[in-house]
Amino acid sequence: MLNVLQTHTTGHRVQPGFTPFGSACQVLAALPQPMLVVRPDRRLLFSNRGVDGLLHDRRVGVTAEHLMQIGQLDAARLESPLRLAQAGSTSYVGLWFTPQISTGWLHIMPVPADLAASAGWPEDAVLLVIHLDQPALTQAARIDALARHSRLSATERHVLMLLGDGMTVEVAATHLGLCMSTLRSHVRNLLGKTQASTLMQLLRWTGSAQALPH
């Protein structure tokens, strides 16, 4: 990502918040990933459109042009990673948001010198990139990977997706129009092919970041 930004950097100097055509600021503004640029004292220099929804939902808080909160990270908790970025280090911090209890992570890094010069930001400017987890997409991808790795049949994959979405074995059998003995047979095949010791272990794996069960 930073390589892309550096490629688009120009020699124009701009005021904070202004995104001229063709500038690195415009590249940042157009990216869907929520991004903010702040001073180490949390004074906001820039935010892109991806941040707008987070501000509206109060998952990000800005007061008097200062960043006050991202998820559970209040001003005091933001202080340490911002100091690290000011010293030239990059850090990653897990995020969670209420009231839905969604999760994500925050990538905090120094703004590259040429990007800061292009945008007219001070040398100590810090870039914050907010990554929001998408559990449904992650689970689907993990099930696809497991289906290929363990050579699951189309029906076995479908059963695993339904159970992973929270259906009970009984409801999944009704949904698929199968008798309980057939559904249980598919579950036994799933456990055998994936080498998972229990159905619970297999379902926990589909929603985690762990390696394959075997």
C-alpha atoms as a PDB file:
ATOM      1  CA  MET A   1       0.000   0.000   0.000  1.00  0.00           C
ATOM      2  CA  LEU A   2       2.745   2.465   0.904  1.00  0.00           C
ATOM      3  CA  ASN A   3       4.488   1.700  -2.382  1.00  0.00           C
ATOM      4  CA  VAL A   4       1.320   2.717  -4.212  1.00  0.00           C
ATOM      5  CA  LEU A   5       1.136   5.950  -2.242  1.00  0.00           C
ATOM      6  CA  GLN A   6       4.764   6.743  -2.847  1.00  0.00           C
ATOM      7  CA  THR A   7       4.324   6.092  -6.567  1.00  0.00           C
ATOM      8  CA  HIS A   8       1.549   8.702  -6.680  1.00  0.00           C
ATOM      9  CA  THR A   9       3.378  11.283  -4.588  1.00  0.00           C
ATOM     10  CA  THR A  10       3.779  14.668  -6.279  1.00  0.00           C
ATOM     11  CA  GLY A  11       5.666  17.822  -5.461  1.00  0.00           C
ATOM     12  CA  HIS A  12       2.540  19.817  -4.604  1.00  0.00           C
ATOM     13  CA  ARG A  13       2.131  21.167  -1.091  1.00  0.00           C
ATOM     14  CA  VAL A  14      -1.429  21.246   0.171  1.00  0.00           C
ATOM     15  CA  GLN A  15      -3.368  22.282   3.215  1.00  0.00           C
ATOM     16  CA  PRO A  16      -4.623  19.553   5.568  1.00  0.00           C
ATOM     17  CA  GLY A  17      -7.928  18.128   4.392  1.00  0.00           C
ATOM     18  CA  PHE A  18      -7.515  19.366   0.807  1.00  0.00           C
ATOM     19  CA  THR A  19      -7.084  16.668  -1.826  1.00  0.00           C
ATOM     20  CA  PRO A  20      -5.978  18.105  -5.203  1.00  0.00           C
ATOM     21  CA  PHE A  21      -6.337  16.057  -8.361  1.00  0.00           C
ATOM     22  CA  GLY A  22      -3.473  13.643  -8.897  1.00  0.00           C
ATOM     23  CA  SER A  23      -1.941  14.096  -5.461  1.00  0.00           C
ATOM     24  CA  ALA A  24      -1.045  11.433  -2.929  1.00  0.00           C
ATOM     25  CA  CYS A  25      -3.824  12.834  -0.750  1.00  0.00           C
ATOM     26  CA  GLN A  26      -6.336  12.029  -3.454  1.00  0.00           C
ATOM     27  CA  VAL A  27      -5.075   8.452  -3.581  1.00  0.00           C
ATOM     28  CA  LEU A  28      -5.601   8.152   0.176  1.00  0.00           C
ATOM     29  CA  ALA A  29      -9.023   9.774  -0.078  1.00  0.00           C
ATOM     30  CA  ALA A  30     -10.181   7.297  -2.724  1.00  0.00           C
ATOM     31  CA  LEU A  31      -9.082   4.140  -0.888  1.00  0.00           C
ATOM     32  CA  PRO A  32     -11.942   2.234   0.794  1.00  0.00           C
ATOM     33  CA  GLN A  33      -9.835   1.353   3.839  1.00  0.00           C
ATOM     34  CA  PRO A  34     -10.518   3.835   6.684  1.00  0.00           C
ATOM     35  CA  MET A  35      -7.403   6.002   7.141  1.00  0.00           C
ATOM     36  CA  LEU A  36      -6.491   8.946   9.316  1.00  0.00           C
ATOM     37  CA  VAL A  37      -3.384  11.091   9.561  1.00  0.00           C
ATOM     38  CA  VAL A  38      -2.703  12.739  12.913  1.00  0.00           C
ATOM     39  CA  ARG A  39       0.029  14.514  14.830  1.00  0.00           C
ATOM     40  CA  PRO A  40       1.473  12.731  17.876  1.00  0.00           C
ATOM     41  CA  ASP A  41      -0.801  14.967  19.992  1.00  0.00           C
ATOM     42  CA  ARG A  42      -3.773  13.409  18.088  1.00  0.00           C
ATOM     43  CA  ARG A  43      -4.560  16.578  16.107  1.00  0.00           C
ATOM     44  CA  LEU A  44      -6.355  15.395  12.988  1.00  0.00           C
ATOM     45  CA  LEU A  45      -4.707  16.341   9.695  1.00  0.00           C
ATOM     46  CA  PHE A  46      -6.634  14.113   7.307  1.00  0.00           C
ATOM     47  CA  SER A  47      -9.316  11.424   7.142  1.00  0.00           C
ATOM     48  CA  ASN A  48     -10.679   9.678   4.074  1.00  0.00           C
ATOM     49  CA  ARG A  49     -14.238   8.710   3.179  1.00  0.00           C
ATOM     50  CA  GLY A  50     -13.815   5.315   4.754  1.00  0.00           C
ATOM     51  CA  VAL A  51     -13.761   7.004   8.165  1.00  0.00           C
ATOM     52  CA  ASP A  52     -17.108   8.783   7.668  1.00  0.00           C
ATOM     53  CA  GLY A  53     -19.249   5.749   8.538  1.00  0.00           C
ATOM     54  CA  LEU A  54     -17.135   5.021  11.611  1.00  0.00           C
ATOM     55  CA  LEU A  55     -17.609   8.591  12.808  1.00  0.00           C
ATOM     56  CA  HIS A  56     -21.353   8.333  12.220  1.00  0.00           C
ATOM     57  CA  ASP A  57     -21.545   5.062  14.182  1.00  0.00           C
ATOM     58  CA  ARG A  58     -19.310   6.530  16.901  1.00  0.00           C
ATOM     59  CA  ARG A  59     -16.750   3.797  16.420  1.00  0.00           C
ATOM     60  CA  VAL A  60     -14.273   6.644  15.892  1.00  0.00           C
ATOM     61  CA  GLY A  61     -14.493   9.843  17.928  1.00  0.00           C
ATOM     62  CA  VAL A  62     -13.097  13.276  17.014  1.00  0.00           C
ATOM     63  CA  THR A  63     -13.522  16.338  19.213  1.00  0.00           C
ATOM     64  CA  ALA A  64     -12.182  19.828  18.490  1.00  0.00           C
ATOM     65  CA  GLU A  65     -10.135  18.439  15.552  1.00  0.00           C
ATOM     66  CA  HIS A  66      -8.417  15.901  17.812  1.00  0.00           C
ATOM     67  CA  LEU A  67      -8.741  12.114  17.598  1.00  0.00           C
ATOM     68  CA  MET A  68     -10.267  11.015  20.890  1.00  0.00           C
ATOM     69  CA  GLN A  69     -11.157   7.368  20.354  1.00  0.00           C
ATOM     70  CA  ILE A  70     -10.978   4.387  17.997  1.00  0.00           C
ATOM     71  CA  GLY A  71     -13.002   1.455  19.277  1.00  0.00           C
ATOM     72  CA  GLN A  72     -11.939   0.722  22.850  1.00  0.00           C
ATOM     73  CA  LEU A  73      -8.799   2.856  22.481  1.00  0.00           C
ATOM     74  CA  ASP A  74      -9.338   6.194  24.162  1.00  0.00           C
ATOM     75  CA  ALA A  75      -6.931   9.121  24.082  1.00  0.00           C
ATOM     76  CA  ALA A  76      -4.733   7.636  26.831  1.00  0.00           C
ATOM     77  CA  ARG A  77      -4.468   4.231  25.115  1.00  0.00           C
ATOM     78  CA  LEU A  78      -3.618   5.833  21.780  1.00  0.00           C
ATOM     79  CA  GLU A  79      -0.683   7.688  23.310  1.00  0.00           C
ATOM     80  CA  SER A  80       1.772   4.763  23.379  1.00  0.00           C
ATOM     81  CA  PRO A  81       1.411   3.575  19.730  1.00  0.00           C
ATOM     82  CA  LEU A  82       1.505   7.182  18.535  1.00  0.00           C
ATOM     83  CA  ARG A  83       4.790   7.708  20.413  1.00  0.00           C
ATOM     84  CA  LEU A  84       6.184   4.556  18.792  1.00  0.00           C
ATOM     85  CA  ALA A  85       5.222   5.847  15.347  1.00  0.00           C
ATOM     86  CA  GLN A  86       6.808   9.210  16.111  1.00  0.00           C
ATOM     87  CA  ALA A  87      10.014   7.291  16.910  1.00  0.00           C
ATOM     88  CA  GLY A  88       9.812   5.503  13.558  1.00  0.00           C
ATOM     89  CA  SER A  89       8.202   2.213  14.599  1.00  0.00           C
ATOM     90  CA  THR A  90       5.122   0.472  13.263  1.00  0.00           C
ATOM     91  CA  SER A  91       2.600  -1.172  15.585  1.00  0.00           C
ATOM     92  CA  TYR A  92      -0.600  -3.221  15.405  1.00  0.00           C
ATOM     93  CA  VAL A  93      -3.357  -3.036  18.001  1.00  0.00           C
ATOM     94  CA  GLY A  94      -6.473  -5.184  18.224  1.00  0.00           C
ATOM     95  CA  LEU A  95      -9.782  -3.314  18.157  1.00  0.00           C
ATOM     96  CA  TRP A  96     -13.285  -4.026  19.366  1.00  0.00           C
ATOM     97  CA  PHE A  97     -16.393  -1.929  18.948  1.00  0.00           C
ATOM     98  CA  THR A  98     -19.641  -1.715  20.898  1.00  0.00           C
ATOM     99  CA  PRO A  99     -22.560  -2.243  21.003  1.00  0.00           C
ATOM    100  CA  GLN A 100     -22.373  -4.887  18.251  1.00  0.00           C
ATOM    101  CA  ILE A 101     -19.055  -6.248  19.616  1.00  0.00           C
ATOM    102  CA  SER A 102     -17.449  -6.297  16.194  1.00  0.00           C
ATOM    103  CA  THR A 103     -13.674  -6.500  15.967  1.00  0.00           C
ATOM    104  CA  GLY A 104     -10.741  -5.387  13.854  1.00  0.00           C
ATOM    105  CA  TRP A 105      -7.211  -4.090  14.189  1.00  0.00           C
ATOM    106  CA  LEU A 106      -5.340  -0.820  13.882  1.00  0.00           C
ATOM    107  CA  HIS A 107      -2.116  -0.379  11.889  1.00  0.00           C
ATOM    108  CA  ILE A 108      -0.135   2.652  13.068  1.00  0.00           C
ATOM    109  CA  MET A 109       2.961   3.849  11.217  1.00  0.00           C
ATOM    110  CA  PRO A 110       4.983   6.988  10.414  1.00  0.00           C
ATOM    111  CA  VAL A 111       3.843   8.750   7.251  1.00  0.00           C
ATOM    112  CA  PRO A 112       6.566   8.299   4.583  1.00  0.00           C
ATOM    113  CA  ALA A 113       8.626  11.483   4.272  1.00  0.00           C
ATOM    114  CA  ASP A 114       7.814  12.070   0.595  1.00  0.00           C
ATOM    115  CA  LEU A 115       4.093  11.614   1.207  1.00  0.00           C
ATOM    116  CA  ALA A 116       4.202  14.038   4.138  1.00  0.00           C
ATOM    117  CA  ALA A 117       6.068  16.597   2.024  1.00  0.00           C
ATOM    118  CA  SER A 118       3.610  16.193  -0.843  1.00  0.00           C
ATOM    119  CA  ALA A 119       0.605  16.755   1.400  1.00  0.00           C
ATOM    120  CA  GLY A 120       2.147  19.553   3.434  1.00  0.00           C
ATOM    121  CA  TRP A 121       2.034  17.501   6.628  1.00  0.00           C
ATOM    122  CA  PRO A 122       4.714  17.813   9.325  1.00  0.00           C
ATOM    123  CA  GLU A 123       7.493  15.257   9.506  1.00  0.00           C
ATOM    124  CA  ASP A 124       6.034  13.672  12.636  1.00  0.00           C
ATOM    125  CA  ALA A 125       2.685  12.882  10.972  1.00  0.00           C
ATOM    126  CA  VAL A 126       1.311   9.426  11.773  1.00  0.00           C
ATOM    127  CA  LEU A 127      -0.854   7.251   9.511  1.00  0.00           C
ATOM    128  CA  LEU A 128      -3.559   5.107  11.107  1.00  0.00           C
ATOM    129  CA  VAL A 129      -5.244   2.406   9.012  1.00  0.00           C
ATOM    130  CA  ILE A 130      -8.350   0.713  10.436  1.00  0.00           C
ATOM    131  CA  HIS A 131      -9.018  -2.876   9.379  1.00  0.00           C
ATOM    132  CA  LEU A 132     -12.491  -4.220  10.126  1.00  0.00           C
ATOM    133  CA  ASP A 133     -12.898  -7.978  10.440  1.00  0.00           C
ATOM    134  CA  GLN A 134     -15.393  -9.672   8.127  1.00  0.00           C
ATOM    135  CA  PRO A 135     -16.088 -12.991   9.886  1.00  0.00           C
ATOM    136  CA  ALA A 136     -18.587 -14.280   7.304  1.00  0.00           C
ATOM    137  CA  LEU A 137     -16.081 -13.877   4.462  1.00  0.00           C
ATOM    138  CA  THR A 138     -13.283 -15.347   6.550  1.00  0.00           C
ATOM    139  CA  GLN A 139     -15.360 -18.373   7.532  1.00  0.00           C
ATOM    140  CA  ALA A 140     -16.438 -19.013   3.942  1.00  0.00           C
ATOM    141  CA  ALA A 141     -12.818 -18.825   2.769  1.00  0.00           C
ATOM    142  CA  ARG A 142     -11.630 -21.193   5.500  1.00  0.00           C
ATOM    143  CA  ILE A 143     -14.375 -23.698   4.665  1.00  0.00           C
ATOM    144  CA  ASP A 144     -13.445 -23.495   0.977  1.00  0.00           C
ATOM    145  CA  ALA A 145      -9.796 -24.107   1.856  1.00  0.00           C
ATOM    146  CA  LEU A 146     -10.688 -27.021   4.108  1.00  0.00           C
ATOM    147  CA  ALA A 147     -13.009 -28.501   1.460  1.00  0.00           C
ATOM    148  CA  ARG A 148     -10.186 -28.544  -1.056  1.00  0.00           C
ATOM    149  CA  HIS A 149      -7.505 -29.665   1.396  1.00  0.00           C
ATOM    150  CA  SER A 150      -9.596 -32.511   2.835  1.00  0.00           C
ATOM    151  CA  ARG A 151     -11.459 -33.293  -0.389  1.00  0.00           C
ATOM    152  CA  LEU A 152     -14.917 -32.740   1.055  1.00  0.00           C
ATOM    153  CA  SER A 153     -17.904 -33.498  -1.142  1.00  0.00           C
ATOM    154  CA  ALA A 154     -20.273 -30.689  -2.112  1.00  0.00           C
ATOM    155  CA  THR A 155     -22.828 -31.982   0.401  1.00  0.00           C
ATOM    156  CA  GLU A 156     -20.244 -32.241   3.194  1.00  0.00           C
ATOM    157  CA  ARG A 157     -19.125 -28.692   2.489  1.00  0.00           C
ATOM    158  CA  HIS A 158     -22.755 -27.511   2.570  1.00  0.00           C
ATOM    159  CA  VAL A 159     -23.366 -29.287   5.873  1.00  0.00           C
ATOM    160  CA  LEU A 160     -20.260 -27.673   7.372  1.00  0.00           C
ATOM    161  CA  MET A 161     -21.355 -24.214   6.189  1.00  0.00           C
ATOM    162  CA  LEU A 162     -24.817 -24.644   7.748  1.00  0.00           C
ATOM    163  CA  LEU A 163     -23.407 -25.899  11.046  1.00  0.00           C
ATOM    164  CA  GLY A 164     -20.793 -23.143  11.008  1.00  0.00           C
ATOM    165  CA  ASP A 165     -23.593 -20.591  10.623  1.00  0.00           C
ATOM    166  CA  GLY A 166     -25.115 -21.850  13.869  1.00  0.00           C
ATOM    167  CA  MET A 167     -27.678 -24.409  12.731  1.00  0.00           C
ATOM    168  CA  THR A 168     -28.160 -27.454  14.907  1.00  0.00           C
ATOM    169  CA  VAL A 169     -27.768 -30.900  13.366  1.00  0.00           C
ATOM    170  CA  GLU A 170     -31.545 -31.343  13.498  1.00  0.00           C
ATOM    171  CA  VAL A 171     -32.299 -28.022  11.760  1.00  0.00           C
ATOM    172  CA  ALA A 172     -29.590 -28.653   9.139  1.00  0.00           C
ATOM    173  CA  ALA A 173     -31.119 -32.056   8.348  1.00  0.00           C
ATOM    174  CA  THR A 174     -34.552 -30.463   7.870  1.00  0.00           C
ATOM    175  CA  HIS A 175     -33.064 -27.662   5.771  1.00  0.00           C
ATOM    176  CA  LEU A 176     -31.348 -30.162   3.463  1.00  0.00           C
ATOM    177  CA  GLY A 177     -34.297 -32.568   3.391  1.00  0.00           C
ATOM    178  CA  LEU A 178     -32.210 -35.369   4.900  1.00  0.00           C
ATOM    179  CA  CYS A 179     -32.991 -37.852   7.631  1.00  0.00           C
ATOM    180  CA  MET A 180     -30.988 -37.532  10.836  1.00  0.00           C
ATOM    181  CA  SER A 181     -28.988 -40.691  10.205  1.00  0.00           C
ATOM    182  CA  THR A 182     -27.815 -39.363   6.823  1.00  0.00           C
ATOM    183  CA  LEU A 183     -26.873 -35.994   8.293  1.00  0.00           C
ATOM    184  CA  ARG A 184     -24.938 -37.695  11.100  1.00  0.00           C
ATOM    185  CA  SER A 185     -23.167 -39.793   8.491  1.00  0.00           C
ATOM    186  CA  HIS A 186     -22.043 -36.614   6.746  1.00  0.00           C
ATOM    187  CA  VAL A 187     -20.784 -35.252  10.073  1.00  0.00           C
ATOM    188  CA  ARG A 188     -18.782 -38.454  10.695  1.00  0.00           C
ATOM    189  CA  ASN A 189     -17.275 -38.111   7.226  1.00  0.00           C
ATOM    190  CA  LEU A 190     -16.357 -34.493   7.972  1.00  0.00           C
ATOM    191  CA  LEU A 191     -14.571 -35.492  11.159  1.00  0.00           C
ATOM    192  CA  GLY A 192     -12.787 -38.363   9.452  1.00  0.00           C
ATOM    193  CA  LYS A 193     -11.589 -36.355   6.455  1.00  0.00           C
ATOM    194  CA  THR A 194     -10.493 -33.318   8.499  1.00  0.00           C
ATOM    195  CA  GLN A 195      -9.103 -35.420  11.387  1.00  0.00           C
ATOM    196  CA  ALA A 196     -10.913 -33.159  13.860  1.00  0.00           C
ATOM    197  CA  SER A 197     -11.599 -34.924  17.153  1.00  0.00           C
ATOM    198  CA  THR A 198     -15.028 -33.363  17.672  1.00  0.00           C
ATOM    199  CA  LEU A 199     -17.578 -31.371  15.721  1.00  0.00           C
ATOM    200  CA  MET A 200     -17.096 -28.522  18.176  1.00  0.00           C
ATOM    201  CA  GLN A 201     -13.364 -28.407  17.409  1.00  0.00           C
ATOM    202  CA  LEU A 202     -14.086 -28.317  13.687  1.00  0.00           C
ATOM    203  CA  LEU A 203     -16.675 -25.545  14.009  1.00  0.00           C
ATOM    204  CA  ARG A 204     -14.390 -23.508  16.260  1.00  0.00           C
ATOM    205  CA  TRP A 205     -11.652 -23.820  13.655  1.00  0.00           C
ATOM    206  CA  THR A 206     -13.882 -22.421  10.869  1.00  0.00           C
ATOM    207  CA  GLY A 207     -14.280 -19.172  12.803  1.00  0.00           C
ATOM    208  CA  SER A 208     -10.698 -18.841  14.045  1.00  0.00           C
ATOM    209  CA  ALA A 209      -7.275 -17.976  12.677  1.00  0.00           C
ATOM    210  CA  GLN A 210      -5.695 -21.292  13.673  1.00  0.00           C
ATOM    211  CA  ALA A 211      -3.978 -23.746  11.384  1.00  0.00           C
ATOM    212  CA  LEU A 212      -5.839 -26.769  10.037  1.00  0.00           C
ATOM    213  CA  PRO A 213      -7.046 -29.199  12.738  1.00  0.00           C
ATOM    214  CA  HIS A 214      -4.336 -31.709  11.764  1.00  0.00           C
END
